[in-house]
């Protein structure tokens, strides 16, 4: 199984946010943002930071898909 963050990008669009806004609000590194853009695995700590910044749950920003 693979992970996709398409839900996160849709959530940002719905809220009128850009990726740089998320990076600043959640205190993410450029490396973490690159991993998100490439649908790579990220730490639960990073997921927690995003969820706290956006006021959402993990299943609101990511999902697992068949490869």
N, C-alpha and C. Protein backbone atom coordinates (compact mmCIF):
# COMPACT_ATOMS: atom_id res chain seq x y z
N UNK A 1 0.83 -1.19 0.00
CA UNK A 1 0.00 0.00 0.00
C UNK A 1 0.88 1.25 0.00
N UNK A 2 0.34 2.27 -0.59
CA UNK A 2 1.05 3.55 -0.65
C UNK A 2 0.17 4.61 0.01
N UNK A 3 0.79 5.71 0.35
CA UNK A 3 0.05 6.81 0.96
C UNK A 3 -0.08 7.95 -0.04
N UNK A 4 -1.20 8.64 0.02
CA UNK A 4 -1.39 9.83 -0.80
C UNK A 4 -1.91 10.96 0.08
N UNK A 5 -1.46 12.15 -0.22
CA UNK A 5 -1.85 13.34 0.55
C UNK A 5 -2.77 14.24 -0.25
N UNK A 6 -3.47 13.68 -1.24
CA UNK A 6 -4.38 14.47 -2.06
C UNK A 6 -5.44 15.17 -1.22
N UNK A 7 -5.90 14.51 -0.16
CA UNK A 7 -6.90 15.13 0.72
C UNK A 7 -6.34 16.41 1.35
N UNK A 8 -5.06 16.40 1.69
CA UNK A 8 -4.42 17.58 2.27
C UNK A 8 -4.44 18.73 1.29
N UNK A 9 -4.08 18.46 0.05
CA UNK A 9 -4.03 19.54 -0.95
C UNK A 9 -5.43 20.10 -1.22
N UNK A 10 -6.44 19.24 -1.23
CA UNK A 10 -7.82 19.72 -1.40
C UNK A 10 -8.26 20.55 -0.21
N UNK A 11 -7.86 20.13 0.99
CA UNK A 11 -8.21 20.88 2.20
C UNK A 11 -7.58 22.27 2.17
N UNK A 12 -6.33 22.35 1.72
CA UNK A 12 -5.66 23.66 1.61
C UNK A 12 -6.39 24.55 0.62
N UNK A 13 -6.79 23.98 -0.51
CA UNK A 13 -7.53 24.77 -1.51
C UNK A 13 -8.83 25.28 -0.93
N UNK A 14 -9.56 24.39 -0.23
CA UNK A 14 -10.84 24.78 0.38
C UNK A 14 -10.67 25.93 1.38
N UNK A 15 -9.51 25.97 2.04
CA UNK A 15 -9.26 26.99 3.05
C UNK A 15 -8.52 28.20 2.50
N UNK A 16 -8.23 28.18 1.21
CA UNK A 16 -7.53 29.30 0.59
C UNK A 16 -6.08 29.42 1.04
N UNK A 17 -5.48 28.29 1.37
CA UNK A 17 -4.09 28.29 1.83
C UNK A 17 -3.17 27.78 0.73
N UNK A 18 -1.93 28.23 0.78
CA UNK A 18 -0.90 27.74 -0.12
C UNK A 18 0.00 26.80 0.67
N UNK A 19 0.82 26.05 -0.04
CA UNK A 19 1.73 25.12 0.63
C UNK A 19 2.68 25.85 1.57
N UNK A 20 3.11 27.04 1.20
CA UNK A 20 4.02 27.80 2.07
C UNK A 20 3.30 28.22 3.35
N UNK A 21 1.98 28.47 3.26
CA UNK A 21 1.21 28.81 4.45
C UNK A 21 1.17 27.63 5.41
N UNK A 22 0.98 26.43 4.86
CA UNK A 22 0.99 25.22 5.68
C UNK A 22 2.35 25.03 6.33
N UNK A 23 3.39 25.21 5.55
CA UNK A 23 4.75 25.04 6.07
C UNK A 23 4.99 25.94 7.27
N UNK A 24 4.57 27.20 7.17
CA UNK A 24 4.76 28.14 8.26
C UNK A 24 3.85 27.84 9.44
N UNK A 25 2.58 27.54 9.18
CA UNK A 25 1.61 27.30 10.25
C UNK A 25 1.95 26.06 11.07
N UNK A 26 2.44 25.03 10.40
CA UNK A 26 2.74 23.77 11.08
C UNK A 26 4.20 23.66 11.50
N UNK A 27 5.04 24.60 11.08
CA UNK A 27 6.46 24.54 11.42
C UNK A 27 7.17 23.38 10.75
N UNK A 28 6.84 23.15 9.48
CA UNK A 28 7.43 22.03 8.75
C UNK A 28 8.73 22.44 8.07
N UNK A 29 9.58 21.47 7.87
CA UNK A 29 10.84 21.71 7.16
C UNK A 29 10.60 21.59 5.65
N UNK A 30 11.53 22.09 4.88
CA UNK A 30 11.45 21.94 3.42
C UNK A 30 11.49 20.47 3.04
N UNK A 31 12.25 19.69 3.79
CA UNK A 31 12.35 18.25 3.53
C UNK A 31 11.00 17.57 3.74
N UNK A 32 10.30 17.91 4.80
CA UNK A 32 8.97 17.34 5.06
C UNK A 32 8.00 17.73 3.94
N UNK A 33 8.06 18.96 3.49
CA UNK A 33 7.18 19.40 2.41
C UNK A 33 7.48 18.63 1.12
N UNK A 34 8.75 18.37 0.85
CA UNK A 34 9.13 17.61 -0.33
C UNK A 34 8.55 16.20 -0.25
N UNK A 35 8.63 15.58 0.93
CA UNK A 35 8.08 14.24 1.10
C UNK A 35 6.57 14.25 0.89
N UNK A 36 5.89 15.27 1.38
CA UNK A 36 4.45 15.38 1.18
C UNK A 36 4.12 15.50 -0.31
N UNK A 37 4.84 16.37 -1.00
CA UNK A 37 4.60 16.58 -2.43
C UNK A 37 4.80 15.29 -3.24
N UNK A 38 5.74 14.46 -2.79
CA UNK A 38 6.06 13.22 -3.51
C UNK A 38 5.32 12.00 -2.96
N UNK A 39 4.34 12.22 -2.08
CA UNK A 39 3.57 11.12 -1.48
C UNK A 39 4.47 10.07 -0.83
N UNK A 40 5.49 10.55 -0.11
CA UNK A 40 6.39 9.66 0.61
C UNK A 40 5.96 9.59 2.07
N UNK A 41 6.44 8.58 2.77
CA UNK A 41 6.12 8.43 4.18
C UNK A 41 6.68 9.58 4.99
N UNK A 42 5.88 10.06 5.95
CA UNK A 42 6.33 11.08 6.89
C UNK A 42 6.09 10.57 8.30
N UNK A 43 6.68 11.20 9.28
CA UNK A 43 6.54 10.75 10.66
C UNK A 43 5.17 11.11 11.23
N UNK A 44 4.79 10.39 12.26
CA UNK A 44 3.54 10.72 12.94
C UNK A 44 3.65 12.09 13.61
N UNK A 45 4.83 12.49 13.97
CA UNK A 45 5.03 13.82 14.55
C UNK A 45 4.66 14.89 13.51
N UNK A 46 5.07 14.70 12.28
CA UNK A 46 4.75 15.64 11.22
C UNK A 46 3.25 15.65 10.95
N UNK A 47 2.64 14.47 10.92
CA UNK A 47 1.19 14.39 10.73
C UNK A 47 0.49 15.15 11.86
N UNK A 48 0.97 14.98 13.09
CA UNK A 48 0.40 15.68 14.23
C UNK A 48 0.51 17.19 14.11
N UNK A 49 1.64 17.67 13.63
CA UNK A 49 1.83 19.12 13.45
C UNK A 49 0.84 19.68 12.43
N UNK A 50 0.66 18.94 11.34
CA UNK A 50 -0.27 19.38 10.29
C UNK A 50 -1.69 19.40 10.83
N UNK A 51 -2.07 18.33 11.51
CA UNK A 51 -3.44 18.24 12.05
C UNK A 51 -3.71 19.33 13.08
N UNK A 52 -2.72 19.62 13.91
CA UNK A 52 -2.89 20.68 14.91
C UNK A 52 -3.05 22.03 14.23
N UNK A 53 -2.23 22.29 13.22
CA UNK A 53 -2.28 23.58 12.52
C UNK A 53 -3.61 23.76 11.77
N UNK A 54 -4.15 22.66 11.24
CA UNK A 54 -5.36 22.75 10.43
C UNK A 54 -6.63 22.41 11.22
N UNK A 55 -6.46 21.93 12.44
CA UNK A 55 -7.61 21.55 13.25
C UNK A 55 -8.39 20.39 12.65
N UNK A 56 -7.65 19.35 12.26
CA UNK A 56 -8.29 18.21 11.62
C UNK A 56 -7.69 16.91 12.15
N UNK A 57 -8.12 15.79 11.60
CA UNK A 57 -7.63 14.47 11.95
C UNK A 57 -6.79 13.92 10.80
N UNK A 58 -6.00 12.89 11.10
CA UNK A 58 -5.10 12.31 10.09
C UNK A 58 -5.86 11.84 8.85
N UNK A 59 -7.04 11.25 9.03
CA UNK A 59 -7.77 10.76 7.86
C UNK A 59 -8.36 11.89 7.02
N UNK A 60 -8.27 13.13 7.50
CA UNK A 60 -8.70 14.28 6.71
C UNK A 60 -7.61 14.73 5.74
N UNK A 61 -6.37 14.29 5.95
CA UNK A 61 -5.26 14.78 5.13
C UNK A 61 -4.55 13.70 4.34
N UNK A 62 -4.81 12.43 4.66
CA UNK A 62 -4.09 11.36 3.97
C UNK A 62 -4.97 10.13 3.84
N UNK A 63 -4.57 9.28 2.90
CA UNK A 63 -5.25 7.99 2.76
C UNK A 63 -4.29 6.99 2.15
N UNK A 64 -4.57 5.73 2.41
CA UNK A 64 -3.77 4.66 1.84
C UNK A 64 -4.45 4.15 0.59
N UNK A 65 -3.66 3.91 -0.44
CA UNK A 65 -4.17 3.43 -1.73
C UNK A 65 -3.34 2.25 -2.19
N UNK A 66 -3.95 1.42 -3.03
CA UNK A 66 -3.22 0.29 -3.62
C UNK A 66 -2.23 0.82 -4.64
N UNK A 67 -1.07 0.24 -4.67
CA UNK A 67 -0.06 0.65 -5.66
C UNK A 67 -0.41 0.18 -7.03
